[in-house]
């Protein structure tokens, strides 16, 4: 029996993150909402190009193919479009074979207030105002940054990378380091190494991904040929001795990452360019850099790092 929505891992996504809306958005900016509506109606059967979040969303939905009985994940469309202009979006969803059926069309208004209504553990959008409002209300949201669309259809693995402080955990440690005193930061974290951090904006997402990984582990116990498709990584600027509190926090929550990188201030792209995640989440915009621009990146504007 499929899980009810309050037990699923739900990701909400805007049409601007899922598809390339640059052409229609230009019409909206230059000619206004009426001409925008006409443009969408005229091009209703013209399939929209893939957006930065498309490969991530497609692989995420593939989890339901692995667990057809439970259907443990869902994607909901939250859009500023009207239902009428949203027709083109849903026709594009159908064209690409994405199993998305729930949506909220707000006709120009921000949809962020409906994040908890849909039990979403994440809202992805290219609209920075919507994300700022959502995060200000304590809702999990991130800005999908512009980048290349890289989609290897022969690769089913879903690789998700997270910064730790201000993303999985709260910004307590970043508040200590705000002054740039690394020694003071290490002393503080070493002193509190046995005290778990409080959850950050994407803690619920990380925990539910860990639960799905446990489903995959049980499947592999039943079938030695089963190949897990979820691969998580923590990529943090921390290093020893501050690494221990990260481990303490995850152990207290009963979760873990497949891979953990404690970089001690190294440029994160050195790891990300090899890991090649389908999405990387960080609260500091300066860390969201890629030489080739082919790593999908999401800015989480949370806490002291964004004050």
Protein backbone atom coordinates (compact mmCIF):
# COMPACT_ATOMS: atom_id res chain seq x y z
CA UNK A 1 0.00 0.00 0.00
CA UNK A 2 1.43 3.43 -0.91
CA UNK A 3 2.49 5.70 1.93
CA UNK A 4 0.10 8.62 2.70
CA UNK A 5 1.66 11.99 1.92
CA UNK A 6 2.41 12.73 5.57
CA UNK A 7 4.75 9.72 5.64
CA UNK A 8 6.44 10.34 2.29
CA UNK A 9 9.60 12.22 1.49
CA UNK A 10 8.12 15.13 -0.46
CA UNK A 11 10.06 17.63 -2.53
CA UNK A 12 8.30 20.71 -3.87
CA UNK A 13 9.67 22.28 -7.03
CA UNK A 14 8.79 25.36 -9.04
CA UNK A 15 8.44 25.29 -12.80
CA UNK A 16 11.42 27.68 -13.00
CA UNK A 17 13.70 25.10 -11.36
CA UNK A 18 12.32 22.06 -13.20
CA UNK A 19 12.24 23.60 -16.68
CA UNK A 20 14.00 26.27 -18.71
CA UNK A 21 11.54 29.17 -18.64
CA UNK A 22 14.00 31.84 -19.79
CA UNK A 23 12.13 32.59 -23.03
CA UNK A 24 8.66 32.83 -21.48
CA UNK A 25 10.02 34.77 -18.49
CA UNK A 26 11.51 37.32 -20.86
CA UNK A 27 8.05 37.76 -22.41
CA UNK A 28 6.58 38.28 -18.93
CA UNK A 29 9.18 40.94 -18.05
CA UNK A 30 8.97 42.79 -21.36
CA UNK A 31 5.25 42.58 -22.15
CA UNK A 32 3.45 41.73 -18.92
CA UNK A 33 1.19 38.92 -17.65
CA UNK A 34 -1.45 39.10 -20.41
CA UNK A 35 1.08 38.64 -23.22
CA UNK A 36 2.82 35.99 -21.12
CA UNK A 37 -0.44 34.04 -20.90
CA UNK A 38 -0.97 34.37 -24.66
CA UNK A 39 2.60 33.20 -25.29
CA UNK A 40 2.13 30.10 -23.14
CA UNK A 41 -1.20 29.28 -24.79
CA UNK A 42 0.30 29.71 -28.26
CA UNK A 43 3.17 27.40 -27.34
CA UNK A 44 1.17 24.95 -25.25
CA UNK A 45 2.37 21.96 -27.27
CA UNK A 46 5.97 23.15 -27.39
CA UNK A 47 7.80 21.09 -24.78
CA UNK A 48 9.82 23.13 -22.31
CA UNK A 49 13.55 22.44 -22.07
CA UNK A 50 15.03 20.85 -18.97
CA UNK A 51 15.96 23.06 -16.04
CA UNK A 52 18.86 22.75 -13.60
CA UNK A 53 16.83 20.66 -11.12
CA UNK A 54 15.48 18.28 -13.77
CA UNK A 55 18.11 15.49 -13.46
CA UNK A 56 17.81 15.54 -9.66
CA UNK A 57 14.00 15.38 -9.72
CA UNK A 58 13.94 12.62 -12.36
CA UNK A 59 16.29 10.40 -10.34
CA UNK A 60 14.45 11.18 -7.12
CA UNK A 61 11.17 9.98 -8.64
CA UNK A 62 12.87 6.79 -9.83
CA UNK A 63 12.86 5.65 -6.20
CA UNK A 64 9.17 4.85 -6.61
CA UNK A 65 10.07 2.43 -9.40
CA UNK A 66 12.35 0.62 -6.96
CA UNK A 67 9.65 0.51 -4.27
CA UNK A 68 6.43 0.24 -6.27
CA UNK A 69 4.34 -0.98 -3.35
CA UNK A 70 5.30 1.77 -0.90
CA UNK A 71 5.74 4.71 -3.34
CA UNK A 72 7.80 6.47 -0.63
CA UNK A 73 8.59 9.73 -2.45
CA UNK A 74 6.63 12.44 -4.19
CA UNK A 75 7.27 15.65 -6.08
CA UNK A 76 4.74 18.50 -5.91
CA UNK A 77 4.73 21.48 -8.26
CA UNK A 78 4.43 24.86 -6.50
CA UNK A 79 4.06 27.58 -9.09
CA UNK A 80 3.40 31.29 -9.44
CA UNK A 81 1.64 30.46 -12.73
CA UNK A 82 -2.12 30.35 -13.08
CA UNK A 83 -3.75 26.99 -13.73
CA UNK A 84 -4.35 28.12 -17.33
CA UNK A 85 -0.70 29.01 -18.05
CA UNK A 86 0.36 25.93 -16.10
CA UNK A 87 -1.08 23.71 -18.84
CA UNK A 88 2.17 23.90 -20.77
CA UNK A 89 4.14 22.91 -17.69
CA UNK A 90 2.03 19.82 -17.08
CA UNK A 91 2.18 18.83 -20.75
CA UNK A 92 5.97 19.04 -20.50
CA UNK A 93 5.85 16.93 -17.33
CA UNK A 94 3.85 14.32 -19.24
CA UNK A 95 6.23 14.48 -22.22
CA UNK A 96 9.22 13.62 -20.00
CA UNK A 97 7.32 10.89 -18.16
CA UNK A 98 7.63 12.50 -14.72
CA UNK A 99 5.14 11.15 -12.20
CA UNK A 100 4.04 14.53 -10.81
CA UNK A 101 0.31 14.92 -10.20
CA UNK A 102 -0.11 17.38 -7.31
CA UNK A 103 0.31 21.12 -7.82
CA UNK A 104 -0.54 24.56 -6.49
CA UNK A 105 -0.93 27.36 -9.07
CA UNK A 106 -0.97 30.75 -7.37
CA UNK A 107 -1.58 33.15 -10.31
CA UNK A 108 1.29 35.51 -9.52
CA UNK A 109 1.46 35.00 -5.75
CA UNK A 110 4.26 33.19 -3.96
CA UNK A 111 3.44 29.56 -3.15
CA UNK A 112 5.92 29.21 -0.26
CA UNK A 113 3.24 29.23 2.46
CA UNK A 114 2.02 25.85 1.18
CA UNK A 115 5.32 24.06 1.81
CA UNK A 116 4.11 22.55 5.14
CA UNK A 117 0.65 21.83 3.71
CA UNK A 118 2.22 19.39 1.26
CA UNK A 119 4.61 18.00 3.91
CA UNK A 120 7.57 19.10 1.79
CA UNK A 121 11.07 18.59 3.18
CA UNK A 122 12.47 20.89 0.49
CA UNK A 123 11.24 23.58 -1.91
CA UNK A 124 13.44 24.20 -4.94
CA UNK A 125 12.95 27.36 -6.97
CA UNK A 126 14.92 29.92 -8.96
CA UNK A 127 12.98 32.72 -7.21
CA UNK A 128 15.20 34.14 -4.44
CA UNK A 129 12.37 36.17 -2.90
CA UNK A 130 10.24 33.06 -2.41
CA UNK A 131 13.16 31.26 -0.77
CA UNK A 132 13.98 34.16 1.54
CA UNK A 133 10.35 34.31 2.68
CA UNK A 134 10.19 30.55 3.17
CA UNK A 135 13.42 30.34 5.17
CA UNK A 136 12.29 33.32 7.25
CA UNK A 137 9.22 31.29 8.23
CA UNK A 138 11.35 28.27 9.08
CA UNK A 139 10.44 26.31 5.95
CA UNK A 140 13.08 24.29 4.04
CA UNK A 141 13.83 26.02 0.75
CA UNK A 142 16.73 26.70 -1.57
CA UNK A 143 17.60 28.82 -4.60
CA UNK A 144 18.58 26.76 -7.63
CA UNK A 145 21.53 28.59 -9.19
CA UNK A 146 22.00 28.88 -12.97
CA UNK A 147 24.18 26.19 -14.52
CA UNK A 148 24.60 23.62 -17.27
CA UNK A 149 22.09 20.79 -17.58
CA UNK A 150 23.95 17.48 -17.38
CA UNK A 151 21.72 14.42 -17.58
CA UNK A 152 23.19 10.95 -18.12
CA UNK A 153 20.14 8.76 -18.69
CA UNK A 154 22.27 5.62 -18.36
CA UNK A 155 23.18 6.50 -14.78
CA UNK A 156 20.41 5.74 -12.25
CA UNK A 157 22.40 6.72 -9.15
CA UNK A 158 21.16 9.77 -7.23
CA UNK A 159 24.09 11.62 -5.65
CA UNK A 160 23.24 14.37 -3.15
CA UNK A 161 25.87 16.44 -1.34
CA UNK A 162 25.33 18.69 1.67
CA UNK A 163 27.30 21.25 3.59
CA UNK A 164 26.86 20.60 7.32
CA UNK A 165 26.61 23.88 9.27
CA UNK A 166 23.61 26.01 8.31
CA UNK A 167 22.21 23.23 6.12
CA UNK A 168 21.92 19.88 7.93
CA UNK A 169 22.68 21.41 11.33
CA UNK A 170 21.88 24.86 12.69
CA UNK A 171 24.31 27.79 12.52
CA UNK A 172 25.57 27.60 16.14
CA UNK A 173 29.13 26.78 15.07
CA UNK A 174 29.13 29.39 12.32
CA UNK A 175 28.13 32.02 14.89
CA UNK A 176 31.25 31.14 16.89
CA UNK A 177 33.46 31.29 13.79
CA UNK A 178 31.88 34.53 12.53
CA UNK A 179 34.84 36.53 13.81
CA UNK A 180 37.27 34.37 11.84
CA UNK A 181 39.03 32.99 14.92
CA UNK A 182 39.71 29.38 13.85
CA UNK A 183 41.42 28.45 17.12
CA UNK A 184 38.43 29.67 19.15
CA UNK A 185 36.10 27.71 16.86
CA UNK A 186 38.09 24.48 17.28
CA UNK A 187 38.21 24.94 21.06
CA UNK A 188 34.45 25.47 21.19
CA UNK A 189 33.62 22.48 19.03
CA UNK A 190 36.11 20.25 20.85
CA UNK A 191 34.61 21.25 24.22
CA UNK A 192 31.09 20.48 22.90
CA UNK A 193 32.03 17.41 20.85
CA UNK A 194 29.61 15.18 22.79
CA UNK A 195 26.64 17.59 22.39
CA UNK A 196 24.62 17.13 19.19
CA UNK A 197 23.82 20.16 17.08
CA UNK A 198 20.23 21.23 16.67
CA UNK A 199 18.63 20.50 13.28
CA UNK A 200 19.15 22.90 10.40
CA UNK A 201 16.78 23.68 7.50
CA UNK A 202 17.49 20.45 5.57
CA UNK A 203 17.76 18.08 8.54
CA UNK A 204 14.38 16.51 7.78
CA UNK A 205 15.39 15.91 4.16
CA UNK A 206 18.66 14.29 5.23
CA UNK A 207 16.93 12.09 7.83
CA UNK A 208 14.29 10.88 5.39
CA UNK A 209 16.93 10.13 2.75
CA UNK A 210 18.68 8.03 5.39
CA UNK A 211 15.44 6.14 6.01
CA UNK A 212 15.14 5.41 2.28
CA UNK A 213 18.73 4.16 2.31
CA UNK A 214 17.73 1.72 5.04
CA UNK A 215 14.96 0.48 2.75
CA UNK A 216 17.61 -0.08 0.11
CA UNK A 217 19.83 -1.90 2.60
CA UNK A 218 16.99 -4.27 3.48
CA UNK A 219 16.37 -4.84 -0.23
CA UNK A 220 20.03 -5.71 -0.73
CA UNK A 221 19.83 -8.21 2.15
CA UNK A 222 16.98 -9.94 0.29
CA UNK A 223 18.59 -9.64 -3.13
CA UNK A 224 22.38 -9.72 -3.42
CA UNK A 225 22.14 -8.25 -6.93
CA UNK A 226 20.25 -5.15 -5.79
CA UNK A 227 22.27 -1.98 -6.45
CA UNK A 228 21.38 0.98 -4.20
CA UNK A 229 20.76 4.23 -6.05
CA UNK A 230 20.91 6.83 -3.23
CA UNK A 231 24.39 8.11 -2.38
CA UNK A 232 24.76 10.94 0.12
CA UNK A 233 27.80 13.00 1.02
CA UNK A 234 28.70 15.69 3.54
CA UNK A 235 31.22 18.21 2.21
CA UNK A 236 32.22 20.60 4.99
CA UNK A 237 34.98 23.14 5.56
CA UNK A 238 35.48 21.63 9.04
CA UNK A 239 38.49 19.50 9.89
CA UNK A 240 39.77 17.76 13.04
CA UNK A 241 39.06 18.29 15.89
CA UNK A 242 35.77 19.95 14.81
CA UNK A 243 34.83 16.85 12.80
CA UNK A 244 33.86 14.90 15.92
CA UNK A 245 30.75 16.94 16.69
CA UNK A 246 29.46 16.27 13.17
CA UNK A 247 29.72 12.54 13.84
CA UNK A 248 28.14 12.95 17.30
CA UNK A 249 25.17 14.80 15.76
CA UNK A 250 24.52 12.20 13.06
CA UNK A 251 24.85 9.33 15.54
CA UNK A 252 22.37 11.03 17.88
CA UNK A 253 19.89 11.36 15.02
CA UNK A 254 20.45 7.74 13.95
CA UNK A 255 21.57 8.71 10.45
CA UNK A 256 24.76 8.72 8.42
CA UNK A 257 26.22 9.78 5.08
CA UNK A 258 27.84 7.43 2.61
CA UNK A 259 30.82 9.75 2.35
CA UNK A 260 32.08 12.58 4.55
CA UNK A 261 34.72 15.11 3.55
CA UNK A 262 36.34 17.34 6.19
CA UNK A 263 38.25 19.81 4.04
CA UNK A 264 39.77 22.28 6.48
CA UNK A 265 39.09 25.23 4.19
CA UNK A 266 39.97 23.53 0.89
CA UNK A 267 37.98 24.67 -2.12
CA UNK A 268 34.93 22.38 -2.21
CA UNK A 269 34.93 22.15 -5.99
CA UNK A 270 38.02 19.91 -5.76
CA UNK A 271 35.76 17.24 -4.24
CA UNK A 272 32.52 18.09 -6.04
CA UNK A 273 34.11 17.88 -9.48
CA UNK A 274 34.92 14.21 -8.78
CA UNK A 275 31.83 13.33 -6.77
CA UNK A 276 29.58 14.93 -9.43
CA UNK A 277 26.45 15.27 -7.26
CA UNK A 278 23.08 15.84 -8.89
CA UNK A 279 22.55 18.55 -6.27
CA UNK A 280 24.84 20.28 -3.77
CA UNK A 281 23.37 22.35 -0.91
CA UNK A 282 25.36 25.05 0.91
CA UNK A 283 24.41 28.10 2.96
CA UNK A 284 27.39 30.17 1.81
CA UNK A 285 27.17 31.47 -1.72
CA UNK A 286 30.99 31.74 -1.94
CA UNK A 287 31.20 27.94 -1.66
CA UNK A 288 28.82 27.40 -4.56
CA UNK A 289 31.36 27.67 -7.33
CA UNK A 290 32.27 25.25 -10.09
CA UNK A 291 34.95 25.81 -12.71
CA UNK A 292 32.97 24.04 -15.42
CA UNK A 293 29.50 25.08 -14.20
CA UNK A 294 28.13 21.55 -14.52
CA UNK A 295 27.39 20.85 -10.85
CA UNK A 296 23.78 21.72 -9.89
CA UNK A 297 24.00 23.95 -6.84
CA UNK A 298 21.44 25.26 -4.36
CA UNK A 299 21.91 28.16 -1.99
CA UNK A 300 20.22 27.81 1.42
CA UNK A 301 20.10 31.42 2.72
CA UNK A 302 19.93 30.45 6.39
CA UNK A 303 21.42 31.81 9.58
CA UNK A 304 24.33 34.03 10.42
CA UNK A 305 26.22 33.32 7.20
CA UNK A 306 23.46 35.21 5.36
CA UNK A 307 22.78 37.97 7.85
